[in-house]
Amino acid sequence: MLSRTADHLFWMSRYTERAENTARMLDVNYQTSLLPQSDAVAQMGWQGLLSISELLYTYKQNHEDILAREVMDFMVKDESNPSSILSCLGAARENARAVRGALTTEVWETQNTTWLEVKRIIKSGEFERDPAQFFEWVKFRSHLSRGVTVGTMLMDEALYFMRMGTFLERADNTARLVDVKFHAVQSDFFGTANEKDQEYDFYHWSAILRSVSGFEVYRKVYRDVIKPERVAELLILRPDMPRSLHSCLNEVENNLHLVASNPDSETLRRSGKLRAELQYGRIDEILATGLHAYLTQFLDRVNDLGAHISREYLVASAA
């Protein structure tokens, strides 16, 4: 496969996944903002969302205050923000158009229809009238895109690069979410919290789990009250949790092996090493050494892995 074609397929999937993850985080913040809470706590939530996406500085260049409506507009429909949902879906569609011949009709029509529809929704004001419904629509279109891809594409290199892009992006977003949200908890991580703190923490951890469709999964796996160390374990180390770091790296490495021509490549080595550390890691060891330090290092290594994939298989770019 031509590296340019692989590059477009890889980034088409990454941008689609990024739009979904942005919708998930916005949806949880929006739902949480409807609960009784102080203005300061609400502002912390929206500031944390901007921090997750590394967009706090960009946002503050054009906005004086961190307000819910302005943050949502910036993250949904601001075309000057390359990580907004509108920008991501547009970039996904442009990458799909560039390699139209490598896609099935169903995959192309799904991407194209999503782009046309999101422009209509934003222009008509439907997003402002019901943000929650819009976020569900974005998630549904992403699910549809993945389902159509797996259900209609030939199981060859084109599909492998698309899957690789999806799960590399998902690993990055999950790590950012866990890192920022764990730091938002005010009560002692493992200490004795008062009743008010415990109530806040329940909604906080529930929101984190719902943002990755993990609330029911947590109940099924642990059958216990929501505890922060178990949330961390579920989202980092569980290989059977679809959005966990371990599950994402399993998918990335499996697809890397399918496209690799050199079994001793540096890209495969780095991918395998990172996956092995997740496979044999223990949550108590991670927490003992510091969750923030661990996730910061993980994000650096995931970005480094993405750079190696680009250099070895794709068109070199700074995207």
C-alpha atoms as a PDB file:
ATOM      1  CA  MET A   1       0.000   0.000   0.000  1.00  0.00           C
ATOM      2  CA  LEU A   2       1.188   3.525  -0.791  1.00  0.00           C
ATOM      3  CA  SER A   3       2.257   5.388   2.341  1.00  0.00           C
ATOM      4  CA  ARG A   4       0.097   8.373   1.376  1.00  0.00           C
ATOM      5  CA  THR A   5      -2.999   6.175   1.168  1.00  0.00           C
ATOM      6  CA  ALA A   6      -2.185   4.562   4.514  1.00  0.00           C
ATOM      7  CA  ASP A   7      -1.682   8.027   6.020  1.00  0.00           C
ATOM      8  CA  HIS A   8      -5.148   9.226   4.930  1.00  0.00           C
ATOM      9  CA  LEU A   9      -6.837   6.070   6.236  1.00  0.00           C
ATOM     10  CA  PHE A  10      -4.959   6.285   9.543  1.00  0.00           C
ATOM     11  CA  TRP A  11      -5.917   9.925  10.117  1.00  0.00           C
ATOM     12  CA  MET A  12      -9.489   9.487   8.918  1.00  0.00           C
ATOM     13  CA  SER A  13     -10.004   7.023  11.758  1.00  0.00           C
ATOM     14  CA  ARG A  14      -8.100   9.140  14.291  1.00  0.00           C
ATOM     15  CA  TYR A  15     -10.205  12.218  13.590  1.00  0.00           C
ATOM     16  CA  THR A  16     -13.459  10.248  13.788  1.00  0.00           C
ATOM     17  CA  GLU A  17     -12.401   8.783  17.134  1.00  0.00           C
ATOM     18  CA  ARG A  18     -11.279  12.216  18.369  1.00  0.00           C
ATOM     19  CA  ALA A  19     -14.699  13.695  17.560  1.00  0.00           C
ATOM     20  CA  GLU A  20     -16.370  10.917  19.543  1.00  0.00           C
ATOM     21  CA  ASN A  21     -14.083  11.347  22.540  1.00  0.00           C
ATOM     22  CA  THR A  22     -14.669  15.099  22.541  1.00  0.00           C
ATOM     23  CA  ALA A  23     -18.431  14.490  22.460  1.00  0.00           C
ATOM     24  CA  ARG A  24     -18.132  12.050  25.370  1.00  0.00           C
ATOM     25  CA  MET A  25     -16.225  14.501  27.552  1.00  0.00           C
ATOM     26  CA  LEU A  26     -18.527  17.411  26.692  1.00  0.00           C
ATOM     27  CA  ASP A  27     -21.606  15.302  27.366  1.00  0.00           C
ATOM     28  CA  VAL A  28     -20.422  14.278  30.837  1.00  0.00           C
ATOM     29  CA  ASN A  29     -19.436  17.851  31.725  1.00  0.00           C
ATOM     30  CA  TYR A  30     -22.770  19.138  30.475  1.00  0.00           C
ATOM     31  CA  GLN A  31     -24.760  16.543  32.449  1.00  0.00           C
ATOM     32  CA  THR A  32     -22.662  17.180  35.571  1.00  0.00           C
ATOM     33  CA  SER A  33     -23.179  20.942  35.255  1.00  0.00           C
ATOM     34  CA  LEU A  34     -26.925  20.368  35.674  1.00  0.00           C
ATOM     35  CA  LEU A  35     -26.343  18.997  39.198  1.00  0.00           C
ATOM     36  CA  PRO A  36     -26.358  21.346  42.219  1.00  0.00           C
ATOM     37  CA  GLN A  37     -22.812  22.726  42.548  1.00  0.00           C
ATOM     38  CA  SER A  38     -20.966  25.988  43.109  1.00  0.00           C
ATOM     39  CA  ASP A  39     -19.831  28.173  40.220  1.00  0.00           C
ATOM     40  CA  ALA A  40     -16.207  27.492  41.175  1.00  0.00           C
ATOM     41  CA  VAL A  41     -16.652  23.704  40.934  1.00  0.00           C
ATOM     42  CA  ALA A  42     -18.488  24.040  37.611  1.00  0.00           C
ATOM     43  CA  GLN A  43     -15.700  26.224  36.225  1.00  0.00           C
ATOM     44  CA  MET A  44     -13.098  23.663  37.335  1.00  0.00           C
ATOM     45  CA  GLY A  45     -14.920  21.028  35.320  1.00  0.00           C
ATOM     46  CA  TRP A  46     -14.876  23.062  32.114  1.00  0.00           C
ATOM     47  CA  GLN A  47     -11.269  24.131  32.686  1.00  0.00           C
ATOM     48  CA  GLY A  48     -10.317  20.475  33.179  1.00  0.00           C
ATOM     49  CA  LEU A  49     -11.934  19.596  29.851  1.00  0.00           C
ATOM     50  CA  LEU A  50      -9.844  22.222  28.063  1.00  0.00           C
ATOM     51  CA  SER A  51      -6.743  20.938  29.856  1.00  0.00           C
ATOM     52  CA  ILE A  52      -7.425  17.370  28.730  1.00  0.00           C
ATOM     53  CA  SER A  53      -7.353  18.536  25.114  1.00  0.00           C
ATOM     54  CA  GLU A  54      -4.391  20.900  25.690  1.00  0.00           C
ATOM     55  CA  LEU A  55      -6.566  23.783  24.488  1.00  0.00           C
ATOM     56  CA  LEU A  56      -6.688  25.975  27.591  1.00  0.00           C
ATOM     57  CA  TYR A  57      -4.135  28.445  26.232  1.00  0.00           C
ATOM     58  CA  THR A  58      -5.832  28.645  22.809  1.00  0.00           C
ATOM     59  CA  TYR A  59      -9.232  29.150  24.415  1.00  0.00           C
ATOM     60  CA  LYS A  60      -8.006  31.962  26.672  1.00  0.00           C
ATOM     61  CA  GLN A  61      -6.567  33.824  23.693  1.00  0.00           C
ATOM     62  CA  ASN A  62     -10.103  34.565  22.494  1.00  0.00           C
ATOM     63  CA  HIS A  63     -12.195  34.274  25.664  1.00  0.00           C
ATOM     64  CA  GLU A  64     -11.863  36.140  28.945  1.00  0.00           C
ATOM     65  CA  ASP A  65     -13.813  33.744  31.185  1.00  0.00           C
ATOM     66  CA  ILE A  66     -14.360  29.999  31.226  1.00  0.00           C
ATOM     67  CA  LEU A  67     -18.113  29.714  30.683  1.00  0.00           C
ATOM     68  CA  ALA A  68     -20.011  26.531  29.852  1.00  0.00           C
ATOM     69  CA  ARG A  69     -21.660  27.844  26.691  1.00  0.00           C
ATOM     70  CA  GLU A  70     -18.463  29.390  25.335  1.00  0.00           C
ATOM     71  CA  VAL A  71     -16.429  26.235  26.032  1.00  0.00           C
ATOM     72  CA  MET A  72     -19.046  24.057  24.308  1.00  0.00           C
ATOM     73  CA  ASP A  73     -19.155  26.362  21.281  1.00  0.00           C
ATOM     74  CA  PHE A  74     -15.344  26.346  21.128  1.00  0.00           C
ATOM     75  CA  MET A  75     -15.165  22.534  21.380  1.00  0.00           C
ATOM     76  CA  VAL A  76     -18.090  21.831  19.034  1.00  0.00           C
ATOM     77  CA  LYS A  77     -18.299  24.335  16.198  1.00  0.00           C
ATOM     78  CA  ASP A  78     -15.263  26.643  16.260  1.00  0.00           C
ATOM     79  CA  GLU A  79     -13.483  25.922  12.968  1.00  0.00           C
ATOM     80  CA  SER A  80     -10.380  27.769  14.200  1.00  0.00           C
ATOM     81  CA  ASN A  81     -10.021  24.998  16.803  1.00  0.00           C
ATOM     82  CA  PRO A  82      -8.562  21.952  14.967  1.00  0.00           C
ATOM     83  CA  SER A  83      -9.826  19.656  17.736  1.00  0.00           C
ATOM     84  CA  SER A  84     -13.450  20.831  17.674  1.00  0.00           C
ATOM     85  CA  ILE A  85     -16.038  18.252  16.662  1.00  0.00           C
ATOM     86  CA  LEU A  86     -16.809  20.162  13.453  1.00  0.00           C
ATOM     87  CA  SER A  87     -13.110  20.387  12.533  1.00  0.00           C
ATOM     88  CA  CYS A  88     -12.483  16.698  13.303  1.00  0.00           C
ATOM     89  CA  LEU A  89     -15.441  15.452  11.269  1.00  0.00           C
ATOM     90  CA  GLY A  90     -14.411  17.746   8.412  1.00  0.00           C
ATOM     91  CA  ALA A  91     -10.837  16.435   8.517  1.00  0.00           C
ATOM     92  CA  ALA A  92     -12.093  12.833   8.628  1.00  0.00           C
ATOM     93  CA  ARG A  93     -14.243  13.468   5.559  1.00  0.00           C
ATOM     94  CA  GLU A  94     -11.387  15.141   3.658  1.00  0.00           C
ATOM     95  CA  ASN A  95      -9.055  12.222   4.393  1.00  0.00           C
ATOM     96  CA  ALA A  96     -11.767   9.801   3.231  1.00  0.00           C
ATOM     97  CA  ARG A  97     -12.312  11.801   0.021  1.00  0.00           C
ATOM     98  CA  ALA A  98      -8.580  11.681  -0.741  1.00  0.00           C
ATOM     99  CA  VAL A  99      -8.650   7.864  -0.753  1.00  0.00           C
ATOM    100  CA  ARG A 100     -12.192   7.311  -2.010  1.00  0.00           C
ATOM    101  CA  GLY A 101     -11.018   4.412  -4.175  1.00  0.00           C
ATOM    102  CA  ALA A 102      -9.631   2.515  -1.171  1.00  0.00           C
ATOM    103  CA  LEU A 103     -12.964   2.640   0.684  1.00  0.00           C
ATOM    104  CA  THR A 104     -16.194   0.751   0.173  1.00  0.00           C
ATOM    105  CA  THR A 105     -19.204   2.785  -0.898  1.00  0.00           C
ATOM    106  CA  GLU A 106     -20.752   2.302   2.554  1.00  0.00           C
ATOM    107  CA  VAL A 107     -17.706   3.677   4.391  1.00  0.00           C
ATOM    108  CA  TRP A 108     -17.451   6.729   2.134  1.00  0.00           C
ATOM    109  CA  GLU A 109     -21.179   7.486   2.327  1.00  0.00           C
ATOM    110  CA  THR A 110     -21.095   7.208   6.132  1.00  0.00           C
ATOM    111  CA  GLN A 111     -18.248   9.728   6.394  1.00  0.00           C
ATOM    112  CA  ASN A 112     -19.752  12.085   3.827  1.00  0.00           C
ATOM    113  CA  THR A 113     -23.255  11.969   5.311  1.00  0.00           C
ATOM    114  CA  THR A 114     -21.881  12.619   8.806  1.00  0.00           C
ATOM    115  CA  TRP A 115     -20.104  15.744   7.557  1.00  0.00           C
ATOM    116  CA  LEU A 116     -23.144  17.080   5.691  1.00  0.00           C
ATOM    117  CA  GLU A 117     -25.432  16.353   8.611  1.00  0.00           C
ATOM    118  CA  VAL A 118     -23.227  17.960  11.288  1.00  0.00           C
ATOM    119  CA  LYS A 119     -23.109  21.166   9.251  1.00  0.00           C
ATOM    120  CA  ARG A 120     -26.908  21.135   8.971  1.00  0.00           C
ATOM    121  CA  ILE A 121     -27.370  20.494  12.704  1.00  0.00           C
ATOM    122  CA  ILE A 122     -25.076  23.342  13.712  1.00  0.00           C
ATOM    123  CA  LYS A 123     -26.537  25.765  11.176  1.00  0.00           C
ATOM    124  CA  SER A 124     -30.112  24.985  12.255  1.00  0.00           C
ATOM    125  CA  GLY A 125     -29.375  25.607  15.931  1.00  0.00           C
ATOM    126  CA  GLU A 126     -30.270  22.068  17.007  1.00  0.00           C
ATOM    127  CA  PHE A 127     -27.053  21.814  18.995  1.00  0.00           C
ATOM    128  CA  GLU A 128     -27.948  24.837  21.163  1.00  0.00           C
ATOM    129  CA  ARG A 129     -31.489  23.560  21.734  1.00  0.00           C
ATOM    130  CA  ASP A 130     -30.389  20.118  22.966  1.00  0.00           C
ATOM    131  CA  PRO A 131     -26.620  19.615  23.442  1.00  0.00           C
ATOM    132  CA  ALA A 132     -27.081  16.140  24.992  1.00  0.00           C
ATOM    133  CA  GLN A 133     -28.918  14.865  21.910  1.00  0.00           C
ATOM    134  CA  PHE A 134     -26.188  16.264  19.658  1.00  0.00           C
ATOM    135  CA  PHE A 135     -23.446  14.511  21.651  1.00  0.00           C
ATOM    136  CA  GLU A 136     -25.353  11.219  21.412  1.00  0.00           C
ATOM    137  CA  TRP A 137     -25.628  11.735  17.652  1.00  0.00           C
ATOM    138  CA  VAL A 138     -21.839  12.234  17.331  1.00  0.00           C
ATOM    139  CA  LYS A 139     -21.193   9.031  19.317  1.00  0.00           C
ATOM    140  CA  PHE A 140     -23.716   7.136  17.200  1.00  0.00           C
ATOM    141  CA  ARG A 141     -22.101   8.290  13.938  1.00  0.00           C
ATOM    142  CA  SER A 142     -18.687   7.182  15.218  1.00  0.00           C
ATOM    143  CA  HIS A 143     -20.080   3.781  16.204  1.00  0.00           C
ATOM    144  CA  LEU A 144     -21.698   3.527  12.778  1.00  0.00           C
ATOM    145  CA  SER A 145     -18.429   4.426  11.059  1.00  0.00           C
ATOM    146  CA  ARG A 146     -16.503   1.694  12.885  1.00  0.00           C
ATOM    147  CA  GLY A 147     -19.246  -0.873  12.325  1.00  0.00           C
ATOM    148  CA  VAL A 148     -19.504  -0.160   8.610  1.00  0.00           C
ATOM    149  CA  THR A 149     -15.709  -0.267   8.304  1.00  0.00           C
ATOM    150  CA  VAL A 150     -15.367  -3.670   9.959  1.00  0.00           C
ATOM    151  CA  GLY A 151     -18.495  -5.001   8.248  1.00  0.00           C
ATOM    152  CA  THR A 152     -17.665  -4.023   4.650  1.00  0.00           C
ATOM    153  CA  MET A 153     -13.911  -3.457   4.229  1.00  0.00           C
ATOM    154  CA  LEU A 154     -11.620  -6.189   2.983  1.00  0.00           C
ATOM    155  CA  MET A 155      -9.426  -7.467   5.805  1.00  0.00           C
ATOM    156  CA  ASP A 156      -6.207  -6.096   4.351  1.00  0.00           C
ATOM    157  CA  GLU A 157      -3.734  -3.307   5.106  1.00  0.00           C
ATOM    158  CA  ALA A 158      -6.307  -0.555   4.571  1.00  0.00           C
ATOM    159  CA  LEU A 159      -8.430  -1.895   7.427  1.00  0.00           C
ATOM    160  CA  TYR A 160      -5.381  -2.483   9.641  1.00  0.00           C
ATOM    161  CA  PHE A 161      -4.211   1.131   9.345  1.00  0.00           C
ATOM    162  CA  MET A 162      -7.710   2.398  10.076  1.00  0.00           C
ATOM    163  CA  ARG A 163      -7.945   0.246  13.199  1.00  0.00           C
ATOM    164  CA  MET A 164      -4.477   1.321  14.271  1.00  0.00           C
ATOM    165  CA  GLY A 165      -5.464   4.979  14.040  1.00  0.00           C
ATOM    166  CA  THR A 166      -8.670   4.425  16.001  1.00  0.00           C
ATOM    167  CA  PHE A 167      -7.045   2.716  18.962  1.00  0.00           C
ATOM    168  CA  LEU A 168      -3.952   4.905  19.132  1.00  0.00           C
ATOM    169  CA  GLU A 169      -6.253   7.935  19.374  1.00  0.00           C
ATOM    170  CA  ARG A 170      -8.452   6.202  21.940  1.00  0.00           C
ATOM    171  CA  ALA A 171      -5.447   5.330  24.142  1.00  0.00           C
ATOM    172  CA  ASP A 172      -4.318   8.956  24.061  1.00  0.00           C
ATOM    173  CA  ASN A 173      -7.755  10.303  24.982  1.00  0.00           C
ATOM    174  CA  THR A 174      -8.391   7.784  27.774  1.00  0.00           C
ATOM    175  CA  ALA A 175      -5.027   8.567  29.378  1.00  0.00           C
ATOM    176  CA  ARG A 176      -5.741  12.315  29.254  1.00  0.00           C
ATOM    177  CA  LEU A 177      -9.205  11.826  30.740  1.00  0.00           C
ATOM    178  CA  VAL A 178      -7.968   9.684  33.647  1.00  0.00           C
ATOM    179  CA  ASP A 179      -5.069  12.016  34.386  1.00  0.00           C
ATOM    180  CA  VAL A 180      -7.064  15.254  34.523  1.00  0.00           C
ATOM    181  CA  LYS A 181     -10.192  13.866  36.181  1.00  0.00           C
ATOM    182  CA  PHE A 182      -8.291  12.113  38.980  1.00  0.00           C
ATOM    183  CA  HIS A 183      -6.610  15.413  39.816  1.00  0.00           C
ATOM    184  CA  ALA A 184      -9.998  17.139  40.056  1.00  0.00           C
ATOM    185  CA  VAL A 185     -11.004  15.201  43.186  1.00  0.00           C
ATOM    186  CA  GLN A 186     -10.631  17.432  46.209  1.00  0.00           C
ATOM    187  CA  SER A 187     -10.863  14.866  49.021  1.00  0.00           C
ATOM    188  CA  ASP A 188      -7.937  12.689  49.972  1.00  0.00           C
ATOM    189  CA  PHE A 189      -7.471   9.944  47.356  1.00  0.00           C
ATOM    190  CA  PHE A 190      -7.580   7.073  49.832  1.00  0.00           C
ATOM    191  CA  GLY A 191      -8.337   8.997  53.001  1.00  0.00           C
ATOM    192  CA  THR A 192     -11.528   9.249  55.000  1.00  0.00           C
ATOM    193  CA  ALA A 193     -13.857  11.734  53.332  1.00  0.00           C
ATOM    194  CA  ASN A 194     -16.843  13.381  54.953  1.00  0.00           C
ATOM    195  CA  GLU A 195     -20.366  12.649  53.752  1.00  0.00           C
ATOM    196  CA  LYS A 196     -20.463  15.621  51.386  1.00  0.00           C
ATOM    197  CA  ASP A 197     -17.142  14.629  49.816  1.00  0.00           C
ATOM    198  CA  GLN A 198     -18.321  11.040  49.414  1.00  0.00           C
ATOM    199  CA  GLU A 199     -21.466  12.206  47.620  1.00  0.00           C
ATOM    200  CA  TYR A 200     -19.412  14.452  45.324  1.00  0.00           C
ATOM    201  CA  ASP A 201     -16.908  11.679  44.665  1.00  0.00           C
ATOM    202  CA  PHE A 202     -19.700   9.243  43.707  1.00  0.00           C
ATOM    203  CA  TYR A 203     -20.994  11.615  41.031  1.00  0.00           C
ATOM    204  CA  HIS A 204     -17.442  12.421  39.957  1.00  0.00           C
ATOM    205  CA  TRP A 205     -16.365   8.776  39.476  1.00  0.00           C
ATOM    206  CA  SER A 206     -19.728   7.917  37.902  1.00  0.00           C
ATOM    207  CA  ALA A 207     -19.214  10.725  35.395  1.00  0.00           C
ATOM    208  CA  ILE A 208     -15.736   9.451  34.505  1.00  0.00           C
ATOM    209  CA  LEU A 209     -17.063   5.925  33.968  1.00  0.00           C
ATOM    210  CA  ARG A 210     -20.037   7.118  31.897  1.00  0.00           C
ATOM    211  CA  SER A 211     -17.720   9.175  29.687  1.00  0.00           C
ATOM    212  CA  VAL A 212     -16.072   5.923  28.535  1.00  0.00           C
ATOM    213  CA  SER A 213     -19.276   3.811  28.622  1.00  0.00           C
ATOM    214  CA  GLY A 214     -17.832   2.045  31.645  1.00  0.00           C
ATOM    215  CA  PHE A 215     -20.451   2.491  34.369  1.00  0.00           C
ATOM    216  CA  GLU A 216     -22.291  -0.794  33.741  1.00  0.00           C
ATOM    217  CA  VAL A 217     -18.975  -2.514  33.032  1.00  0.00           C
ATOM    218  CA  TYR A 218     -17.647  -1.424  36.438  1.00  0.00           C
ATOM    219  CA  ARG A 219     -20.737  -2.795  38.193  1.00  0.00           C
ATOM    220  CA  LYS A 220     -20.410  -6.111  36.368  1.00  0.00           C
ATOM    221  CA  VAL A 221     -16.684  -6.509  37.035  1.00  0.00           C
ATOM    222  CA  TYR A 222     -16.385  -5.263  40.628  1.00  0.00           C
ATOM    223  CA  ARG A 223     -19.940  -5.505  42.034  1.00  0.00           C
ATOM    224  CA  ASP A 224     -19.028  -2.897  44.634  1.00  0.00           C
ATOM    225  CA  VAL A 225     -19.261   0.798  45.395  1.00  0.00           C
ATOM    226  CA  ILE A 226     -17.215   2.971  43.064  1.00  0.00           C
ATOM    227  CA  LYS A 227     -13.651   3.261  44.361  1.00  0.00           C
ATOM    228  CA  PRO A 228     -11.011   5.429  42.661  1.00  0.00           C
ATOM    229  CA  GLU A 229      -8.309   2.734  42.609  1.00  0.00           C
ATOM    230  CA  ARG A 230     -10.695   0.342  40.858  1.00  0.00           C
ATOM    231  CA  VAL A 231     -11.736   2.991  38.347  1.00  0.00           C
ATOM    232  CA  ALA A 232      -8.050   3.497  37.586  1.00  0.00           C
ATOM    233  CA  GLU A 233      -7.491  -0.251  37.237  1.00  0.00           C
ATOM    234  CA  LEU A 234     -10.497  -0.623  34.911  1.00  0.00           C
ATOM    235  CA  LEU A 235      -9.428   2.224  32.625  1.00  0.00           C
ATOM    236  CA  ILE A 236      -5.714   1.415  32.582  1.00  0.00           C
ATOM    237  CA  LEU A 237      -5.055  -2.304  33.029  1.00  0.00           C
ATOM    238  CA  ARG A 238      -8.206  -4.318  32.202  1.00  0.00           C
ATOM    239  CA  PRO A 239      -7.696  -5.941  28.746  1.00  0.00           C
ATOM    240  CA  ASP A 240     -11.443  -6.701  28.453  1.00  0.00           C
ATOM    241  CA  MET A 241     -12.528  -3.070  28.896  1.00  0.00           C
ATOM    242  CA  PRO A 242     -12.871  -1.699  25.309  1.00  0.00           C
ATOM    243  CA  ARG A 243     -11.562   1.790  26.102  1.00  0.00           C
ATOM    244  CA  SER A 244      -8.805   0.869  28.575  1.00  0.00           C
ATOM    245  CA  LEU A 245      -5.169   1.621  27.807  1.00  0.00           C
ATOM    246  CA  HIS A 246      -4.336  -2.101  27.829  1.00  0.00           C
ATOM    247  CA  SER A 247      -7.124  -2.960  25.377  1.00  0.00           C
ATOM    248  CA  CYS A 248      -6.129  -0.120  23.043  1.00  0.00           C
ATOM    249  CA  LEU A 249      -2.457  -1.144  22.994  1.00  0.00           C
ATOM    250  CA  ASN A 250      -3.457  -4.753  22.297  1.00  0.00           C
ATOM    251  CA  GLU A 251      -5.276  -3.557  19.170  1.00  0.00           C
ATOM    252  CA  VAL A 252      -2.469  -1.219  18.090  1.00  0.00           C
ATOM    253  CA  GLU A 253       0.183  -3.929  18.357  1.00  0.00           C
ATOM    254  CA  ASN A 254      -1.951  -6.614  16.725  1.00  0.00           C
ATOM    255  CA  ASN A 255      -2.559  -4.386  13.702  1.00  0.00           C
ATOM    256  CA  LEU A 256       1.088  -3.310  13.616  1.00  0.00           C
ATOM    257  CA  HIS A 257       2.129  -6.951  13.315  1.00  0.00           C
ATOM    258  CA  LEU A 258      -0.264  -7.362  10.387  1.00  0.00           C
ATOM    259  CA  VAL A 259       1.349  -4.546   8.375  1.00  0.00           C
ATOM    260  CA  ALA A 260       4.972  -4.919   9.523  1.00  0.00           C
ATOM    261  CA  SER A 261       7.510  -6.127   6.978  1.00  0.00           C
ATOM    262  CA  ASN A 262      10.355  -6.187   9.497  1.00  0.00           C
ATOM    263  CA  PRO A 263       9.635  -8.197  12.691  1.00  0.00           C
ATOM    264  CA  ASP A 264      12.591  -6.491  14.387  1.00  0.00           C
ATOM    265  CA  SER A 265      11.496  -2.923  13.688  1.00  0.00           C
ATOM    266  CA  GLU A 266      11.869  -0.257  16.373  1.00  0.00           C
ATOM    267  CA  THR A 267       8.163   0.594  16.067  1.00  0.00           C
ATOM    268  CA  LEU A 268       7.154  -2.963  16.949  1.00  0.00           C
ATOM    269  CA  ARG A 269       9.648  -3.069  19.807  1.00  0.00           C
ATOM    270  CA  ARG A 270       8.274   0.081  21.408  1.00  0.00           C
ATOM    271  CA  SER A 271       4.689  -1.030  20.919  1.00  0.00           C
ATOM    272  CA  GLY A 272       5.392  -4.460  22.398  1.00  0.00           C
ATOM    273  CA  LYS A 273       7.237  -3.028  25.389  1.00  0.00           C
ATOM    274  CA  LEU A 274       4.415  -0.626  26.222  1.00  0.00           C
ATOM    275  CA  ARG A 275       1.816  -3.366  25.849  1.00  0.00           C
ATOM    276  CA  ALA A 276       3.823  -5.752  28.063  1.00  0.00           C
ATOM    277  CA  GLU A 277       4.051  -3.165  30.845  1.00  0.00           C
ATOM    278  CA  LEU A 278       0.272  -2.806  30.777  1.00  0.00           C
ATOM    279  CA  GLN A 279      -0.217  -6.570  30.628  1.00  0.00           C
ATOM    280  CA  TYR A 280       1.942  -7.275  33.680  1.00  0.00           C
ATOM    281  CA  GLY A 281       1.381  -4.017  35.561  1.00  0.00           C
ATOM    282  CA  ARG A 282      -0.393  -3.765  38.913  1.00  0.00           C
ATOM    283  CA  ILE A 283      -2.536  -0.832  39.938  1.00  0.00           C
ATOM    284  CA  ASP A 284      -1.063  -0.664  43.452  1.00  0.00           C
ATOM    285  CA  GLU A 285       2.428  -0.269  41.976  1.00  0.00           C
ATOM    286  CA  ILE A 286       1.228   2.453  39.586  1.00  0.00           C
ATOM    287  CA  LEU A 287      -0.508   4.378  42.374  1.00  0.00           C
ATOM    288  CA  ALA A 288       2.484   3.985  44.695  1.00  0.00           C
ATOM    289  CA  THR A 289       4.814   5.602  42.166  1.00  0.00           C
ATOM    290  CA  GLY A 290       2.290   8.298  41.220  1.00  0.00           C
ATOM    291  CA  LEU A 291      -0.623   8.128  38.792  1.00  0.00           C
ATOM    292  CA  HIS A 292       0.064  11.517  37.216  1.00  0.00           C
ATOM    293  CA  ALA A 293       3.714  10.672  36.544  1.00  0.00           C
ATOM    294  CA  TYR A 294       2.715   7.294  35.088  1.00  0.00           C
ATOM    295  CA  LEU A 295       0.091   8.766  32.734  1.00  0.00           C
ATOM    296  CA  THR A 296       2.336  11.641  31.671  1.00  0.00           C
ATOM    297  CA  GLN A 297       4.998   9.118  30.690  1.00  0.00           C
ATOM    298  CA  PHE A 298       2.380   6.958  28.963  1.00  0.00           C
ATOM    299  CA  LEU A 299       1.186   9.899  26.855  1.00  0.00           C
ATOM    300  CA  ASP A 300       4.757  10.721  25.877  1.00  0.00           C
ATOM    301  CA  ARG A 301       5.326   7.118  24.822  1.00  0.00           C
ATOM    302  CA  VAL A 302       2.047   6.899  22.879  1.00  0.00           C
ATOM    303  CA  ASN A 303       2.930  10.098  20.999  1.00  0.00           C
ATOM    304  CA  ASP A 304       6.407   8.694  20.376  1.00  0.00           C
ATOM    305  CA  LEU A 305       4.858   5.466  19.064  1.00  0.00           C
ATOM    306  CA  GLY A 306       2.617   7.474  16.740  1.00  0.00           C
ATOM    307  CA  ALA A 307       5.672   9.344  15.439  1.00  0.00           C
ATOM    308  CA  HIS A 308       7.473   6.049  14.756  1.00  0.00           C
ATOM    309  CA  ILE A 309       4.422   4.667  12.939  1.00  0.00           C
ATOM    310  CA  SER A 310       4.350   7.812  10.781  1.00  0.00           C
ATOM    311  CA  ARG A 311       8.055   7.608   9.958  1.00  0.00           C
ATOM    312  CA  GLU A 312       7.989   3.909   9.125  1.00  0.00           C
ATOM    313  CA  TYR A 313       4.642   3.520   7.344  1.00  0.00           C
ATOM    314  CA  LEU A 314       2.988   6.870   6.664  1.00  0.00           C
ATOM    315  CA  VAL A 315       3.664  10.266   5.124  1.00  0.00           C
ATOM    316  CA  ALA A 316       5.715  12.221   7.635  1.00  0.00           C
ATOM    317  CA  SER A 317       3.619  15.029   9.091  1.00  0.00           C
ATOM    318  CA  ALA A 318       3.241  17.075  12.239  1.00  0.00           C
ATOM    319  CA  ALA A 319      -0.495  16.389  12.510  1.00  0.00           C
END
